[in-house]
Amino acid sequence: MARFLEFHGIFPRITEDNLPTNSATVANDVNLRSGRLEPWRERLALAEAPESALTMHQHGCCYYTWDTCVSVAEYLPDYNSMFITGRKGYPERAVFGDNCSLTYYRLGVPKPAGTPSVSSVSENAIGRSEVNDQRTMTGRSYCVTYVNVFGEESAPGNPSRVISVCDGDTVVITGLPSAPSSEYGVNYIRIYRSASVMNSDSGGTKRATENDTPASWFMIAELPVGTESYADSTKELDLGWALQTDDYREPPAELRQMTYLRGTGVLAGVTTNMVHFSEPYQPWNWMRKSDLTLPYNIVHAVSFGAYLYVTTTGNPYVIDMTKGCQEQCALVDDVNISLPDIACGYAHSAVATPFGCVYVSKDGLALIKPDAQVDLLTKAYFSTEDWAKIRPETIRLTYWRGYIVFVSDKASFMLEVDPSLYGDDTGAKAGNLTTFSDSPVDLIDSANDELLMMDSGFIWQWNAGNTWRRYHWESRPFDFNGLSSPNSVKLILRKGSTYFTIISADTDQQQLWGGVITDSRPHRIGRLGRHWFYKLGLDGTGVVESAYINNSYGELNGKV
């Protein structure tokens, strides 16, 4: 008798003759989490998507698509924005609007170009008799910043020359900067004035020089961008707040793979071989002191909580941001193994999970753990040669409810990596690998923990339709020692119906017998002829607990 007390997945690297007892040679569109054969539901169409779309994202009830490889960082809810890279040649802030609209702004505020000019009547009067010797002449300089529609401020532009004036005298500032490119959303400039850099001596006045250095800058005016000149007569006692943005920097234009380090207020992104960080709760400010240089070109950067995982063309890296960046961000660990990320062409080719980062290497799906240890999740299923056959460089993947779901241009797979959390106590403990019939161009785990796929002009929700999807499962080969052939089959069927087939596992792989089973009684099989090896095939939507094939109908009827 051949018994299948549980149903497991496939092992492409193991020959059929050497498969474990309950393993399959085919396991397509089947849910094996409980150890039973169970169907998935068909997909549910949620929204239309352009055929050209490569990337998708869900926010609330809205679905967004782009025809480029876009990385999305969901930030704090009160910002009403998400931060993206890949749509343009620079990072962007996408603001949520009515009816699922998005308004895009270039992330960051640029430093104003040019140098303002200053002039004053009192400066020209120094040394002339009409100047009152009792008045104090001081030196000052002016600088300008930009302010965007979010109230975010840039670093100051070049300061003006130092000018000598009396407190309260009028200084005319000209050459104020015009608006930068419209994508920045800049609508104001702020003018700052330096504090006094010189005082009069007991003998009268002293002219300030260009060598004098201002100690602080204080705000005197906020004006609409495009204002050409401003006359300043503000007394020192009435100066506004001090400039805080001296060393602010907009993010690098070529920034990509932007992600949010949850709980820190920090965004992270990468350029060729550098990791960059925004200041906490200042998404427009990416200060140079936080830059981190790696010895390899970076492929992916993904985060889970405050851990940032960086994959490269050499070693992977783990960066722990739970303590933030003080003077400079530093690596927690350089994973001490060369395991290059080979993915190319898709945005979602690496994913952060509760147990680490999963990405594509030449030997299989690699897992970097928070403690910088590495594991190959697919080593039990694929040899390096088997892995190469599915074109791993084209893989896009996501993590969904204990599964790594990964799709290449050759095949689509679901690998169970966490059965303990989502399975039941009666289920199989092995991590099952199965295939499925869809070939999405992108797939994500949504904010409400649903598996979304995009293909064929739609965004679909997996396992959410009104009808069951038909599965196909084929067993490992079994035999009756060449002395007899099966004549009866019994399925312990919980519900539904299933079509069973007996297949010759000899070289011809011929279907020998088949029929629909709707109950848990034994069923007779017609003559099959003499074969050395057989396989059991099950197709349908029924829930099958176990299966038995025998050469004695009476034994199945009485003992099983």
Protein backbone atom coordinates (compact mmCIF):
# COMPACT_ATOMS: atom_id res chain seq x y z
CA MET A 1 0.00 0.00 0.00
CA ALA A 2 1.14 3.55 -0.76
CA ARG A 3 0.17 6.02 1.94
CA PHE A 4 0.25 9.82 1.83
CA LEU A 5 -0.59 10.93 5.37
CA GLU A 6 0.45 14.52 4.66
CA PHE A 7 1.04 16.48 1.49
CA HIS A 8 4.28 18.38 1.05
CA GLY A 9 5.82 20.54 -1.64
CA ILE A 10 8.48 20.12 -4.30
CA PHE A 11 12.28 19.72 -4.13
CA PRO A 12 13.65 20.50 -7.60
CA ARG A 13 17.22 19.58 -6.62
CA ILE A 14 16.25 16.00 -5.59
CA THR A 15 15.57 13.33 -8.19
CA GLU A 16 12.06 11.86 -8.15
CA ASP A 17 13.24 8.47 -6.90
CA ASN A 18 14.90 10.03 -3.84
CA LEU A 19 12.12 12.38 -2.72
CA PRO A 20 10.87 12.18 0.88
CA THR A 21 7.72 10.12 1.38
CA ASN A 22 5.08 12.87 1.25
CA SER A 23 6.84 15.14 -1.22
CA ALA A 24 5.53 16.08 -4.63
CA THR A 25 6.89 16.15 -8.13
CA VAL A 26 4.28 18.82 -8.95
CA ALA A 27 2.56 21.13 -6.46
CA ASN A 28 0.88 23.97 -8.32
CA ASP A 29 -1.72 26.44 -6.99
CA VAL A 30 -2.11 24.42 -3.80
CA ASN A 31 -2.15 25.50 -0.16
CA LEU A 32 -0.13 23.00 1.90
CA ARG A 33 0.25 24.98 5.12
CA SER A 34 -1.89 22.56 7.16
CA GLY A 35 -0.37 19.42 5.65
CA ARG A 36 -3.59 18.89 3.69
CA LEU A 37 -4.31 19.59 0.03
CA GLU A 38 -6.34 22.78 0.06
CA PRO A 39 -7.24 25.19 -2.74
CA TRP A 40 -6.56 28.89 -2.84
CA ARG A 41 -9.29 31.23 -3.93
CA GLU A 42 -8.95 32.89 -7.30
CA ARG A 43 -7.59 36.43 -7.36
CA LEU A 44 -9.84 39.46 -6.97
CA ALA A 45 -9.39 42.43 -9.31
CA LEU A 46 -9.03 45.61 -7.23
CA ALA A 47 -8.08 48.29 -9.74
CA GLU A 48 -7.01 48.77 -13.31
CA ALA A 49 -3.32 49.25 -14.02
CA PRO A 50 -1.62 50.40 -17.23
CA GLU A 51 0.00 47.62 -19.21
CA SER A 52 3.25 49.59 -19.06
CA ALA A 53 3.29 49.75 -15.23
CA LEU A 54 6.29 48.18 -13.48
CA THR A 55 5.73 49.23 -9.87
CA MET A 56 2.68 49.55 -7.64
CA HIS A 57 1.88 50.78 -4.15
CA GLN A 58 -1.20 50.81 -1.94
CA HIS A 59 -2.01 53.59 0.52
CA GLY A 60 -5.33 53.26 2.27
CA CYS A 61 -7.94 52.59 -0.40
CA CYS A 62 -5.79 54.07 -3.16
CA TYR A 63 -3.61 52.20 -5.64
CA TYR A 64 -0.71 53.87 -7.41
CA THR A 65 1.34 52.60 -10.33
CA TRP A 66 4.43 53.84 -12.16
CA ASP A 67 6.06 52.76 -15.41
CA THR A 68 9.53 52.88 -13.80
CA CYS A 69 11.10 51.01 -10.88
CA VAL A 70 9.96 53.17 -7.98
CA SER A 71 10.93 52.73 -4.32
CA VAL A 72 8.36 54.02 -1.82
CA ALA A 73 8.99 55.12 1.76
CA GLU A 74 5.84 55.55 3.85
CA TYR A 75 6.63 58.23 6.43
CA LEU A 76 4.82 59.56 9.50
CA PRO A 77 1.04 59.86 8.96
CA ASP A 78 0.86 63.57 9.84
CA TYR A 79 3.10 64.38 6.86
CA ASN A 80 0.30 63.23 4.49
CA SER A 81 3.03 62.20 2.06
CA MET A 82 5.14 59.34 0.87
CA PHE A 83 8.72 59.70 -0.33
CA ILE A 84 9.79 58.04 -3.56
CA THR A 85 12.76 57.54 -5.83
CA GLY A 86 12.86 56.21 -9.37
CA ARG A 87 10.04 58.18 -11.00
CA LYS A 88 12.35 61.08 -11.92
CA GLY A 89 16.09 61.56 -11.81
CA TYR A 90 15.81 62.89 -8.25
CA PRO A 91 13.98 61.95 -5.01
CA GLU A 92 10.43 63.23 -4.55
CA ARG A 93 7.78 63.92 -1.95
CA ALA A 94 4.35 62.77 -3.17
CA VAL A 95 1.51 64.49 -1.32
CA PHE A 96 -1.81 62.67 -1.03
CA GLY A 97 -4.80 64.54 -2.41
CA ASP A 98 -8.49 64.00 -3.06
CA ASN A 99 -9.64 61.05 -5.16
CA CYS A 100 -6.30 59.28 -4.79
CA SER A 101 -4.40 62.07 -6.55
CA LEU A 102 -0.72 62.77 -5.92
CA THR A 103 1.13 66.07 -6.14
CA TYR A 104 4.85 65.64 -6.63
CA TYR A 105 7.59 67.91 -5.29
CA ARG A 106 11.30 67.47 -5.54
CA LEU A 107 12.59 66.45 -2.10
CA GLY A 108 14.85 68.99 -0.43
CA VAL A 109 15.31 72.74 -0.67
CA PRO A 110 18.21 73.97 -2.80
CA LYS A 111 20.77 76.46 -1.63
CA PRO A 112 20.21 79.85 -3.33
CA ALA A 113 22.68 80.73 -6.06
CA GLY A 114 24.39 84.07 -6.45
CA THR A 115 25.45 86.68 -3.91
CA PRO A 116 23.26 89.56 -2.74
CA SER A 117 24.54 93.13 -3.10
CA VAL A 118 24.23 95.69 -0.28
CA SER A 119 24.53 99.48 -0.13
CA SER A 120 23.93 102.23 2.48
CA VAL A 121 24.17 106.04 2.59
CA SER A 122 25.80 105.90 6.06
CA GLU A 123 28.62 103.68 4.80
CA ASN A 124 29.52 106.26 2.16
CA ALA A 125 29.51 109.04 4.80
CA ILE A 126 32.33 107.61 6.94
CA GLY A 127 35.08 110.21 7.42
CA ARG A 128 32.92 113.18 6.31
CA SER A 129 32.26 116.03 8.75
CA GLU A 130 28.51 115.45 8.85
CA VAL A 131 29.01 112.09 10.56
CA ASN A 132 28.31 112.36 14.29
CA ASP A 133 31.44 111.05 16.06
CA GLN A 134 29.28 109.76 18.89
CA ARG A 135 27.48 107.26 16.65
CA THR A 136 28.65 103.64 16.55
CA MET A 137 29.38 102.09 13.17
CA THR A 138 29.13 98.31 13.02
CA GLY A 139 29.72 95.77 10.31
CA ARG A 140 27.10 93.41 9.00
CA SER A 141 26.47 91.00 6.15
CA TYR A 142 23.36 89.49 4.62
CA CYS A 143 22.45 86.02 3.35
CA VAL A 144 19.30 84.45 1.89
CA THR A 145 17.56 81.06 2.22
CA TYR A 146 14.69 79.44 0.30
CA VAL A 147 11.47 78.21 1.97
CA ASN A 148 9.17 75.71 0.23
CA VAL A 149 5.43 75.10 0.49
CA PHE A 150 5.95 72.87 3.54
CA GLY A 151 7.87 75.53 5.48
CA GLU A 152 11.12 73.63 4.97
CA GLU A 153 14.18 75.84 4.73
CA SER A 154 17.41 75.57 2.77
CA ALA A 155 20.98 76.24 3.73
CA PRO A 156 21.94 79.89 3.20
CA GLY A 157 23.43 81.10 -0.06
CA ASN A 158 26.64 83.08 -0.34
CA PRO A 159 26.81 86.00 2.12
CA SER A 160 27.07 89.56 0.92
CA ARG A 161 30.14 91.63 1.56
CA VAL A 162 30.49 93.16 5.02
CA ILE A 163 29.07 96.67 5.16
CA SER A 164 29.62 99.33 7.88
CA VAL A 165 26.44 101.04 9.05
CA CYS A 166 24.84 102.59 12.11
CA ASP A 167 22.10 100.69 13.93
CA GLY A 168 18.74 101.65 12.42
CA ASP A 169 20.16 103.02 9.16
CA THR A 170 18.71 101.68 5.95
CA VAL A 171 20.59 99.05 3.94
CA VAL A 172 19.30 98.23 0.46
CA ILE A 173 19.73 94.58 -0.52
CA THR A 174 19.56 93.80 -4.23
CA GLY A 175 20.36 90.77 -6.34
CA LEU A 176 17.97 88.57 -4.37
CA PRO A 177 17.69 85.08 -5.90
CA SER A 178 14.93 84.17 -8.30
CA ALA A 179 12.85 81.03 -7.87
CA PRO A 180 14.59 77.67 -8.47
CA SER A 181 13.01 75.01 -10.67
CA SER A 182 9.28 74.75 -10.07
CA GLU A 183 9.45 71.11 -8.90
CA TYR A 184 10.95 72.30 -5.61
CA GLY A 185 7.77 74.18 -4.65
CA VAL A 186 9.72 77.15 -3.28
CA ASN A 187 7.51 80.17 -2.61
CA TYR A 188 9.45 82.35 -0.14
CA ILE A 189 12.90 83.67 0.60
CA ARG A 190 14.18 84.60 4.04
CA ILE A 191 16.76 87.31 4.53
CA TYR A 192 19.16 87.01 7.44
CA ARG A 193 21.52 89.61 8.85
CA SER A 194 24.68 88.98 10.79
CA ALA A 195 25.22 90.13 14.32
CA SER A 196 27.76 92.91 14.93
CA VAL A 197 31.26 91.95 13.89
CA MET A 198 33.02 95.19 15.07
CA ASN A 199 32.53 98.01 17.56
CA SER A 200 33.73 101.63 17.61
CA ASP A 201 36.90 102.35 19.54
CA SER A 202 37.37 105.29 21.90
CA GLY A 203 38.61 107.46 19.08
CA GLY A 204 35.58 107.19 16.81
CA THR A 205 34.55 104.73 14.08
CA LYS A 206 36.35 101.90 12.37
CA ARG A 207 35.45 100.54 8.93
CA ALA A 208 34.49 96.84 8.83
CA THR A 209 36.38 94.72 6.30
CA GLU A 210 35.75 91.57 4.29
CA ASN A 211 37.98 89.66 6.72
CA ASP A 212 35.51 90.15 9.55
CA THR A 213 33.46 86.96 10.14
CA PRO A 214 29.84 87.09 11.36
CA ALA A 215 29.20 85.07 14.50
CA SER A 216 25.44 84.51 14.00
CA TRP A 217 22.67 85.26 11.52
CA PHE A 218 19.24 86.58 12.46
CA MET A 219 16.08 86.70 10.36
CA ILE A 220 14.84 90.13 9.26
CA ALA A 221 12.27 89.35 6.54
CA GLU A 222 10.35 86.64 4.73
CA LEU A 223 9.39 87.70 1.20
CA PRO A 224 7.68 86.11 -1.82
CA VAL A 225 10.20 84.44 -4.07
CA GLY A 226 10.94 86.74 -7.01
CA THR A 227 11.25 89.88 -4.87
CA GLU A 228 14.15 91.81 -6.39
CA SER A 229 15.24 94.09 -3.53
CA TYR A 230 14.59 94.88 0.11
CA ALA A 231 15.39 97.89 2.32
CA ASP A 232 16.45 96.87 5.84
CA SER A 233 16.27 99.37 8.69
CA THR A 234 15.68 96.84 11.48
CA LYS A 235 17.32 97.72 14.78
CA GLU A 236 19.42 95.04 16.44
CA LEU A 237 16.99 94.76 19.31
CA ASP A 238 14.26 93.79 16.83
CA LEU A 239 16.11 91.03 14.96
CA GLY A 240 14.25 87.75 14.50
CA TRP A 241 15.30 84.18 15.24
CA ALA A 242 18.76 82.83 14.57
CA LEU A 243 19.53 80.89 11.38
CA GLN A 244 19.46 77.14 12.08
CA THR A 245 20.18 75.73 8.61
CA ASP A 246 23.85 76.60 8.08
CA ASP A 247 24.93 73.04 7.16
CA TYR A 248 21.65 71.70 5.77
CA ARG A 249 21.89 69.77 2.51
CA GLU A 250 19.28 68.63 0.06
CA PRO A 251 19.42 64.88 -0.74
CA PRO A 252 21.70 63.78 -3.58
CA ALA A 253 19.95 64.05 -6.94
CA GLU A 254 20.77 60.44 -7.81
CA LEU A 255 19.37 59.05 -4.55
CA ARG A 256 17.51 55.72 -4.89
CA GLN A 257 16.11 52.86 -2.77
CA MET A 258 14.66 55.33 -0.25
CA THR A 259 13.19 53.72 2.87
CA TYR A 260 11.94 54.80 6.30
CA LEU A 261 13.62 53.56 9.48
CA ARG A 262 10.54 53.21 11.64
CA GLY A 263 10.62 54.84 15.04
CA THR A 264 13.61 57.06 14.22
CA GLY A 265 12.17 59.80 12.00
CA VAL A 266 15.03 59.05 9.60
CA LEU A 267 14.83 58.32 5.86
CA ALA A 268 17.67 56.38 4.25
CA GLY A 269 18.70 56.06 0.63
CA VAL A 270 21.73 55.13 -1.44
CA THR A 271 23.83 56.32 -4.32
CA THR A 272 26.50 54.32 -6.13
CA ASN A 273 28.42 53.06 -3.08
CA MET A 274 27.22 55.44 -0.37
CA VAL A 275 24.42 55.25 2.19
CA HIS A 276 22.74 58.56 3.07
CA PHE A 277 20.46 59.50 5.96
CA SER A 278 18.10 62.38 6.57
CA GLU A 279 18.15 64.15 9.89
CA PRO A 280 15.46 62.88 12.30
CA TYR A 281 12.08 64.41 11.41
CA GLN A 282 13.70 66.59 8.73
CA PRO A 283 13.09 64.58 5.55
CA TRP A 284 14.40 67.43 3.37
CA ASN A 285 17.76 67.67 5.20
CA TRP A 286 20.45 65.07 4.39
CA MET A 287 23.56 66.32 6.15
CA ARG A 288 26.95 65.29 4.89
CA LYS A 289 28.18 64.11 8.30
CA SER A 290 25.85 61.10 8.14
CA ASP A 291 27.11 59.77 4.79
CA LEU A 292 28.51 56.25 4.90
CA THR A 293 30.82 54.89 2.17
CA LEU A 294 30.96 51.17 1.32
CA PRO A 295 33.64 49.36 -0.69
CA TYR A 296 31.13 47.90 -3.18
CA ASN A 297 28.38 49.20 -5.43
CA ILE A 298 25.00 49.07 -3.70
CA VAL A 299 22.10 47.12 -5.20
CA HIS A 300 19.35 47.31 -2.54
CA ALA A 301 18.60 49.04 0.75
CA VAL A 302 15.55 47.87 2.72
CA SER A 303 14.54 48.40 6.33
CA PHE A 304 12.58 46.64 9.03
CA GLY A 305 12.05 48.77 12.11
CA ALA A 306 15.29 50.63 12.77
CA TYR A 307 17.50 48.08 10.97
CA LEU A 308 18.78 48.97 7.51
CA TYR A 309 19.92 46.08 5.30
CA VAL A 310 22.20 46.95 2.39
CA THR A 311 23.05 44.47 -0.36
CA THR A 312 25.92 45.08 -2.74
CA THR A 313 27.94 43.55 -5.54
CA GLY A 314 30.12 42.08 -2.77
CA ASN A 315 29.27 41.66 0.91
CA PRO A 316 25.89 42.52 2.46
CA TYR A 317 25.70 44.92 5.42
CA VAL A 318 23.49 45.56 8.45
CA ILE A 319 23.15 49.04 9.97
CA ASP A 320 21.48 49.39 13.37
CA MET A 321 19.77 52.77 13.71
CA THR A 322 18.13 52.13 17.07
CA LYS A 323 20.64 54.55 18.62
CA GLY A 324 20.63 56.94 15.69
CA CYS A 325 23.58 58.66 14.06
CA GLN A 326 25.45 60.84 16.49
CA GLU A 327 28.60 62.21 14.88
CA GLN A 328 28.61 59.72 12.03
CA CYS A 329 26.59 56.66 11.09
CA ALA A 330 28.54 53.41 11.42
CA LEU A 331 28.08 49.83 10.30
CA VAL A 332 26.91 47.34 12.87
CA ASP A 333 28.34 44.48 10.86
CA ASP A 334 29.93 43.74 7.54
CA VAL A 335 28.55 40.27 6.88
CA ASN A 336 31.73 38.27 6.53
CA ILE A 337 30.87 36.50 3.31
CA SER A 338 30.87 37.51 -0.31
CA LEU A 339 27.30 36.98 -1.42
CA PRO A 340 26.55 39.50 -4.21
CA ASP A 341 23.03 40.68 -4.97
CA ILE A 342 22.46 39.75 -8.62
CA ALA A 343 18.94 41.20 -9.07
CA CYS A 344 18.35 43.72 -11.83
CA GLY A 345 15.44 45.37 -13.54
CA TYR A 346 12.75 45.38 -10.83
CA ALA A 347 12.14 47.58 -7.78
CA HIS A 348 10.99 44.79 -5.44
CA SER A 349 13.89 42.34 -5.75
CA ALA A 350 14.72 42.43 -2.03
CA VAL A 351 12.37 42.51 0.94
CA ALA A 352 12.62 43.10 4.67
CA THR A 353 10.93 40.53 6.90
CA PRO A 354 10.58 40.14 10.69
CA PHE A 355 13.64 37.86 10.65
CA GLY A 356 15.90 39.80 8.25
CA CYS A 357 16.37 40.84 4.63
CA VAL A 358 15.79 38.42 1.77
CA TYR A 359 17.47 39.07 -1.57
CA VAL A 360 18.63 37.21 -4.68
CA SER A 361 22.11 35.71 -4.89
CA LYS A 362 23.55 33.42 -7.55
CA ASP A 363 23.11 30.46 -5.18
CA GLY A 364 19.53 31.12 -4.07
CA LEU A 365 17.45 33.41 -1.89
CA ALA A 366 19.79 34.81 0.76
CA LEU A 367 18.66 35.92 4.22
CA ILE A 368 20.66 38.52 6.19
CA LYS A 369 19.66 38.36 9.84
CA PRO A 370 19.81 41.32 12.26
CA ASP A 371 22.92 39.81 13.89
CA ALA A 372 24.66 39.82 10.47
CA GLN A 373 24.44 36.05 10.01
CA VAL A 374 23.50 34.77 6.54
CA ASP A 375 21.45 31.78 5.44
CA LEU A 376 20.40 30.46 2.03
CA LEU A 377 16.65 29.89 2.31
CA THR A 378 16.42 27.84 -0.87
CA LYS A 379 19.46 25.57 -0.42
CA ALA A 380 17.28 22.53 0.37
CA TYR A 381 15.26 23.04 -2.82
CA PHE A 382 17.61 24.35 -5.52
CA SER A 383 21.20 23.60 -6.35
CA THR A 384 23.13 26.49 -7.87
CA GLU A 385 22.61 24.91 -11.29
CA ASP A 386 18.86 24.47 -10.73
CA TRP A 387 18.61 28.07 -9.48
CA ALA A 388 20.26 29.43 -12.63
CA LYS A 389 17.59 27.78 -14.79
CA ILE A 390 14.80 30.00 -13.43
CA ARG A 391 16.66 33.23 -14.33
CA PRO A 392 17.07 34.51 -10.75
CA GLU A 393 18.31 37.92 -11.92
CA THR A 394 14.71 38.66 -12.99
CA ILE A 395 13.12 37.77 -9.63
CA ARG A 396 10.68 40.13 -7.88
CA LEU A 397 9.50 39.10 -4.44
CA THR A 398 7.64 39.94 -1.27
CA TYR A 399 6.97 38.51 2.19
CA TRP A 400 3.35 37.61 2.97
CA ARG A 401 2.04 35.86 6.07
CA GLY A 402 4.97 33.47 6.50
CA TYR A 403 5.67 32.99 2.77
CA ILE A 404 8.36 34.38 0.54
CA VAL A 405 6.52 34.78 -2.76
CA PHE A 406 8.98 35.10 -5.65
CA VAL A 407 8.47 35.32 -9.38
CA SER A 408 11.01 35.20 -12.19
CA ASP A 409 10.54 35.40 -15.92
CA LYS A 410 10.53 31.58 -15.92
CA ALA A 411 8.43 30.48 -12.93
CA SER A 412 6.45 31.59 -9.86
CA PHE A 413 6.97 30.14 -6.36
CA MET A 414 5.73 30.34 -2.79
CA LEU A 415 8.22 29.28 -0.10
CA GLU A 416 6.90 28.77 3.42
CA VAL A 417 9.51 30.21 5.78
CA ASP A 418 7.45 30.65 8.95
CA PRO A 419 4.85 27.86 9.36
CA SER A 420 4.90 28.12 13.16
CA LEU A 421 3.29 31.58 13.29
CA TYR A 422 0.58 31.14 10.66
CA GLY A 423 0.04 27.36 10.52
CA ASP A 424 -2.13 25.25 12.80
CA ASP A 425 -0.92 22.63 15.27
CA THR A 426 -1.85 19.74 13.00
CA GLY A 427 0.03 21.08 10.00
CA ALA A 428 3.22 19.98 8.37
CA LYS A 429 6.38 21.30 9.98
CA ALA A 430 8.39 21.29 6.77
CA GLY A 431 8.76 24.51 4.82
CA ASN A 432 6.87 23.80 1.63
CA LEU A 433 7.84 25.06 -1.80
CA THR A 434 5.03 25.25 -4.34
CA THR A 435 4.44 26.92 -7.68
CA PHE A 436 1.54 29.06 -8.82
CA SER A 437 0.15 29.95 -12.22
CA ASP A 438 0.37 33.76 -12.23
CA SER A 439 3.30 35.80 -13.56
CA PRO A 440 2.94 39.25 -11.99
CA VAL A 441 5.29 42.03 -13.02
CA ASP A 442 5.19 43.32 -9.44
CA LEU A 443 3.92 42.03 -6.10
CA ILE A 444 3.75 43.54 -2.61
CA ASP A 445 2.46 42.85 0.87
CA SER A 446 -0.05 45.64 1.49
CA ALA A 447 -0.36 47.70 4.65
CA ASN A 448 -3.33 45.54 5.71
CA ASP A 449 -1.34 42.33 5.12
CA GLU A 450 -2.81 41.33 1.78
CA LEU A 451 -0.78 39.91 -1.10
CA LEU A 452 -1.22 42.17 -4.14
CA MET A 453 -0.09 41.31 -7.66
CA MET A 454 -0.02 43.43 -10.80
CA ASP A 455 -0.36 41.95 -14.28
CA SER A 456 -2.72 41.75 -17.24
CA GLY A 457 -3.85 45.35 -16.78
CA PHE A 458 -5.06 44.94 -13.18
CA ILE A 459 -3.98 45.01 -9.56
CA TRP A 460 -5.18 41.77 -7.96
CA GLN A 461 -5.62 40.59 -4.39
CA TRP A 462 -4.44 37.03 -3.93
CA ASN A 463 -6.82 34.44 -2.44
CA ALA A 464 -9.76 36.85 -2.32
CA GLY A 465 -12.06 35.88 -5.21
CA ASN A 466 -15.48 34.25 -5.07
CA THR A 467 -14.41 30.95 -6.64
CA TRP A 468 -11.82 28.34 -5.74
CA ARG A 469 -8.71 27.91 -7.86
CA ARG A 470 -8.08 24.39 -9.14
CA TYR A 471 -4.85 22.86 -7.86
CA HIS A 472 -2.63 20.13 -9.33
CA TRP A 473 -0.49 17.86 -7.13
CA GLU A 474 1.52 14.80 -8.18
CA SER A 475 3.18 12.46 -5.75
CA ARG A 476 6.66 11.00 -5.73
CA PRO A 477 6.87 7.62 -7.54
CA PHE A 478 5.73 4.54 -5.63
CA ASP A 479 5.75 0.85 -6.59
CA PHE A 480 4.31 -2.56 -5.77
CA ASN A 481 7.58 -4.41 -6.35
CA GLY A 482 6.62 -5.10 -9.93
CA LEU A 483 4.39 -7.96 -8.75
CA SER A 484 1.02 -6.23 -9.01
CA SER A 485 -0.61 -2.93 -9.83
CA PRO A 486 -2.98 -0.72 -7.81
CA ASN A 487 -6.66 -1.55 -8.03
CA SER A 488 -8.19 0.83 -5.48
CA VAL A 489 -7.78 4.34 -4.10
CA LYS A 490 -9.17 6.07 -1.05
CA LEU A 491 -9.02 9.77 -0.23
CA ILE A 492 -9.93 11.16 3.17
CA LEU A 493 -11.87 14.10 1.78
CA ARG A 494 -13.00 16.86 4.11
CA LYS A 495 -15.10 18.75 1.59
CA GLY A 496 -15.54 19.32 -2.10
CA SER A 497 -14.39 16.98 -4.83
CA THR A 498 -11.13 16.07 -6.47
CA TYR A 499 -10.17 14.37 -9.71
CA PHE A 500 -7.58 11.67 -9.12
CA THR A 501 -5.31 10.10 -11.69
CA ILE A 502 -2.92 7.19 -11.59
CA ILE A 503 0.10 7.97 -13.71
CA SER A 504 2.79 5.69 -14.96
CA ALA A 505 6.09 6.90 -13.54
CA ASP A 506 8.02 4.94 -16.13
CA THR A 507 9.57 6.82 -19.03
CA ASP A 508 6.25 7.47 -20.80
CA GLN A 509 4.56 9.31 -17.83
CA GLN A 510 1.22 8.05 -19.21
CA GLN A 511 -2.09 8.70 -17.44
CA LEU A 512 -3.48 5.22 -16.75
CA TRP A 513 -6.74 5.88 -14.95
CA GLY A 514 -8.74 8.77 -13.56
CA GLY A 515 -12.00 9.72 -11.93
CA VAL A 516 -13.81 12.19 -9.70
CA ILE A 517 -13.95 11.44 -5.97
CA THR A 518 -16.55 13.19 -3.80
CA ASP A 519 -16.39 11.11 -0.61
CA SER A 520 -14.00 9.19 1.64
CA ARG A 521 -14.99 5.67 0.51
CA PRO A 522 -12.55 3.40 -1.35
CA HIS A 523 -12.94 3.36 -5.12
CA ARG A 524 -11.99 0.63 -7.54
CA ILE A 525 -9.47 1.29 -10.29
CA GLY A 526 -9.64 -0.47 -13.63
CA ARG A 527 -6.78 -2.54 -15.02
CA LEU A 528 -3.61 -0.49 -15.38
CA GLY A 529 -1.30 -2.99 -16.96
CA ARG A 530 2.06 -3.91 -15.47
CA HIS A 531 4.35 -0.99 -14.58
CA TRP A 532 7.22 -0.67 -12.19
CA PHE A 533 6.38 2.78 -10.82
CA TYR A 534 3.26 4.88 -10.42
CA LYS A 535 2.37 8.39 -9.29
CA LEU A 536 -0.84 9.72 -7.78
CA GLY A 537 -2.20 12.92 -9.32
CA LEU A 538 -4.85 15.04 -7.63
CA ASP A 539 -6.62 17.92 -9.37
CA GLY A 540 -9.51 19.92 -8.00
CA THR A 541 -10.77 22.13 -5.25
CA GLY A 542 -11.51 19.58 -2.53
CA VAL A 543 -9.75 19.50 0.83
CA VAL A 544 -7.84 16.20 0.99
CA GLU A 545 -6.58 14.98 4.37
CA SER A 546 -4.70 11.88 3.19
CA ALA A 547 -4.56 9.37 0.34
CA TYR A 548 -4.15 5.58 0.09
CA ILE A 549 -3.52 3.41 -2.96
CA ASN A 550 -3.63 -0.39 -2.68
CA ASN A 551 -3.83 -3.56 -4.66
CA SER A 552 -6.56 -4.84 -2.33
CA TYR A 553 -9.97 -3.16 -2.33
CA GLY A 554 -11.01 -5.15 0.71
CA GLU A 555 -8.03 -3.95 2.72
CA LEU A 556 -8.83 -0.32 1.96
CA ASN A 557 -12.48 -0.88 2.74
CA GLY A 558 -11.85 -2.54 6.07
CA LYS A 559 -8.67 -1.17 7.60
CA VAL A 560 -8.16 2.43 6.50
